[in-house]
Amino acid sequence: MYIQPEKLTFTISEAVTSTGIGRTKLYALIKEGHLETRKLGKRTLIPAPSLRALVDNLPRAARIAA
């Protein structure tokens, strides 16, 4: 059985798919300094810990009374 190693970085498209955050909002978060990026040629890569920290630090949604 092949176990895929944990991703170290995400492309913009992968980050959009993985988080559900839209492309425009993702670029805004990068511009505002909320996400770290690295460049490899023309590719913009987001380190996994930076993306995880962003999601972990989002405010919790309000609970809806049943």
N, C-alpha and C. Protein backbone atom coordinates (compact mmCIF):
# COMPACT_ATOMS: atom_id res chain seq x y z
N MET A 1 0.84 -1.18 0.00
CA MET A 1 0.00 0.00 0.00
C MET A 1 0.89 1.24 0.00
N TYR A 2 0.58 2.20 -0.87
CA TYR A 2 1.34 3.45 -0.97
C TYR A 2 0.72 4.51 -0.07
N ILE A 3 1.54 5.10 0.78
CA ILE A 3 1.09 6.18 1.64
C ILE A 3 1.68 7.47 1.09
N GLN A 4 0.80 8.37 0.69
CA GLN A 4 1.24 9.64 0.12
C GLN A 4 1.76 10.54 1.24
N PRO A 5 2.95 11.11 1.05
CA PRO A 5 3.49 12.01 2.08
C PRO A 5 2.65 13.28 2.20
N GLU A 6 2.70 13.89 3.38
CA GLU A 6 1.97 15.13 3.62
C GLU A 6 2.52 16.23 2.72
N LYS A 7 1.63 17.03 2.16
CA LYS A 7 2.05 18.11 1.27
C LYS A 7 2.81 19.17 2.06
N LEU A 8 3.89 19.67 1.49
CA LEU A 8 4.67 20.75 2.11
C LEU A 8 4.16 22.11 1.67
N THR A 9 3.68 22.20 0.43
CA THR A 9 3.19 23.47 -0.11
C THR A 9 1.94 23.21 -0.95
N PHE A 10 1.19 24.30 -1.16
CA PHE A 10 0.00 24.25 -2.01
C PHE A 10 0.12 25.33 -3.07
N THR A 11 -0.28 25.01 -4.29
CA THR A 11 -0.40 26.04 -5.32
C THR A 11 -1.66 26.84 -4.99
N ILE A 12 -1.86 27.95 -5.67
CA ILE A 12 -3.07 28.74 -5.45
C ILE A 12 -4.31 27.89 -5.72
N SER A 13 -4.32 27.16 -6.82
CA SER A 13 -5.48 26.33 -7.17
C SER A 13 -5.73 25.26 -6.12
N GLU A 14 -4.67 24.63 -5.62
CA GLU A 14 -4.82 23.61 -4.59
C GLU A 14 -5.34 24.22 -3.28
N ALA A 15 -4.86 25.41 -2.95
CA ALA A 15 -5.31 26.08 -1.72
C ALA A 15 -6.79 26.44 -1.82
N VAL A 16 -7.21 26.89 -2.99
CA VAL A 16 -8.63 27.20 -3.22
C VAL A 16 -9.48 25.95 -3.02
N THR A 17 -9.06 24.86 -3.62
CA THR A 17 -9.80 23.60 -3.53
C THR A 17 -9.78 23.05 -2.10
N SER A 18 -8.64 23.12 -1.45
CA SER A 18 -8.50 22.55 -0.11
C SER A 18 -9.26 23.31 0.96
N THR A 19 -9.33 24.63 0.83
CA THR A 19 -9.94 25.45 1.89
C THR A 19 -11.34 25.92 1.58
N GLY A 20 -11.69 26.00 0.31
CA GLY A 20 -12.99 26.56 -0.06
C GLY A 20 -12.96 28.09 -0.10
N ILE A 21 -11.79 28.67 0.11
CA ILE A 21 -11.62 30.12 0.02
C ILE A 21 -11.46 30.47 -1.46
N GLY A 22 -12.15 31.48 -1.93
CA GLY A 22 -12.07 31.86 -3.34
C GLY A 22 -10.70 32.41 -3.72
N ARG A 23 -10.39 32.32 -4.99
CA ARG A 23 -9.10 32.77 -5.52
C ARG A 23 -8.84 34.25 -5.21
N THR A 24 -9.84 35.09 -5.43
CA THR A 24 -9.67 36.53 -5.19
C THR A 24 -9.41 36.80 -3.71
N LYS A 25 -10.16 36.14 -2.82
CA LYS A 25 -9.97 36.32 -1.38
C LYS A 25 -8.59 35.79 -0.97
N LEU A 26 -8.16 34.69 -1.55
CA LEU A 26 -6.85 34.12 -1.23
C LEU A 26 -5.74 35.11 -1.58
N TYR A 27 -5.83 35.71 -2.77
CA TYR A 27 -4.83 36.71 -3.16
C TYR A 27 -4.89 37.93 -2.23
N ALA A 28 -6.08 38.31 -1.79
CA ALA A 28 -6.21 39.44 -0.85
C ALA A 28 -5.53 39.09 0.48
N LEU A 29 -5.71 37.88 0.96
CA LEU A 29 -5.09 37.45 2.21
C LEU A 29 -3.56 37.44 2.09
N ILE A 30 -3.07 37.07 0.92
CA ILE A 30 -1.63 37.10 0.68
C ILE A 30 -1.14 38.54 0.70
N LYS A 31 -1.85 39.42 0.00
CA LYS A 31 -1.46 40.83 -0.07
C LYS A 31 -1.48 41.49 1.31
N GLU A 32 -2.45 41.10 2.15
CA GLU A 32 -2.58 41.66 3.49
C GLU A 32 -1.58 41.05 4.48
N GLY A 33 -0.81 40.06 4.04
CA GLY A 33 0.20 39.45 4.89
C GLY A 33 -0.30 38.34 5.79
N HIS A 34 -1.51 37.83 5.54
CA HIS A 34 -2.08 36.76 6.36
C HIS A 34 -1.59 35.38 5.92
N LEU A 35 -1.02 35.30 4.72
CA LEU A 35 -0.50 34.03 4.21
C LEU A 35 0.92 34.24 3.70
N GLU A 36 1.79 33.33 4.05
CA GLU A 36 3.16 33.32 3.52
C GLU A 36 3.14 32.72 2.13
N THR A 37 4.00 33.17 1.28
CA THR A 37 4.13 32.56 -0.04
C THR A 37 5.61 32.39 -0.39
N ARG A 38 5.86 31.51 -1.32
CA ARG A 38 7.18 31.30 -1.90
C ARG A 38 6.99 31.28 -3.40
N LYS A 39 8.00 31.69 -4.14
CA LYS A 39 7.93 31.67 -5.60
C LYS A 39 8.92 30.64 -6.13
N LEU A 40 8.49 29.88 -7.10
CA LEU A 40 9.33 28.94 -7.83
C LEU A 40 9.04 29.18 -9.30
N GLY A 41 9.89 29.99 -9.92
CA GLY A 41 9.61 30.43 -11.28
C GLY A 41 8.38 31.32 -11.23
N LYS A 42 7.37 30.99 -12.02
CA LYS A 42 6.13 31.76 -12.04
C LYS A 42 5.11 31.26 -11.01
N ARG A 43 5.39 30.10 -10.44
CA ARG A 43 4.43 29.48 -9.51
C ARG A 43 4.49 30.12 -8.14
N THR A 44 3.34 30.39 -7.58
CA THR A 44 3.22 30.87 -6.21
C THR A 44 2.85 29.67 -5.35
N LEU A 45 3.65 29.42 -4.34
CA LEU A 45 3.40 28.30 -3.43
C LEU A 45 3.12 28.82 -2.03
N ILE A 46 2.17 28.20 -1.37
CA ILE A 46 1.81 28.56 -0.01
C ILE A 46 2.25 27.41 0.89
N PRO A 47 3.15 27.66 1.84
CA PRO A 47 3.55 26.59 2.76
C PRO A 47 2.35 26.06 3.55
N ALA A 48 2.27 24.76 3.70
CA ALA A 48 1.14 24.13 4.40
C ALA A 48 0.93 24.71 5.80
N PRO A 49 2.00 24.92 6.60
CA PRO A 49 1.76 25.49 7.94
C PRO A 49 1.11 26.87 7.91
N SER A 50 1.43 27.68 6.92
CA SER A 50 0.83 29.02 6.80
C SER A 50 -0.66 28.90 6.49
N LEU A 51 -1.01 28.01 5.59
CA LEU A 51 -2.41 27.80 5.22
C LEU A 51 -3.19 27.22 6.41
N ARG A 52 -2.58 26.27 7.10
CA ARG A 52 -3.23 25.66 8.26
C ARG A 52 -3.44 26.69 9.37
N ALA A 53 -2.44 27.55 9.61
CA ALA A 53 -2.56 28.58 10.64
C ALA A 53 -3.68 29.56 10.32
N LEU A 54 -3.80 29.92 9.04
CA LEU A 54 -4.88 30.83 8.63
C LEU A 54 -6.23 30.23 8.98
N VAL A 55 -6.45 28.99 8.60
CA VAL A 55 -7.73 28.33 8.85
C VAL A 55 -7.96 28.15 10.35
N ASP A 56 -6.92 27.75 11.08
CA ASP A 56 -7.06 27.55 12.53
C ASP A 56 -7.39 28.84 13.27
N ASN A 57 -6.97 29.98 12.74
CA ASN A 57 -7.19 31.26 13.41
C ASN A 57 -8.44 32.00 12.96
N LEU A 58 -9.22 31.40 12.06
CA LEU A 58 -10.49 32.00 11.68
C LEU A 58 -11.44 31.96 12.88
N PRO A 59 -12.29 32.95 13.03
CA PRO A 59 -13.22 32.93 14.16
C PRO A 59 -14.21 31.78 14.03
N ARG A 60 -14.61 31.26 15.16
CA ARG A 60 -15.59 30.18 15.16
C ARG A 60 -16.95 30.74 14.73
N ALA A 61 -17.71 29.90 14.04
CA ALA A 61 -19.04 30.29 13.62
C ALA A 61 -19.96 30.28 14.84
N ALA A 62 -20.94 31.16 14.83
CA ALA A 62 -21.91 31.20 15.93
C ALA A 62 -22.74 29.93 15.91
N ARG A 63 -23.05 29.44 17.06
CA ARG A 63 -23.89 28.23 17.15
C ARG A 63 -25.34 28.60 16.90
N ILE A 64 -26.00 27.75 16.19
CA ILE A 64 -27.42 27.96 15.89
C ILE A 64 -28.23 27.10 16.85
N ALA A 65 -29.14 27.74 17.59
CA ALA A 65 -29.97 27.01 18.55
C ALA A 65 -30.95 26.11 17.80
N ALA A 66 -31.06 24.89 18.25
CA ALA A 66 -31.95 23.93 17.59
C ALA A 66 -33.36 24.02 18.11
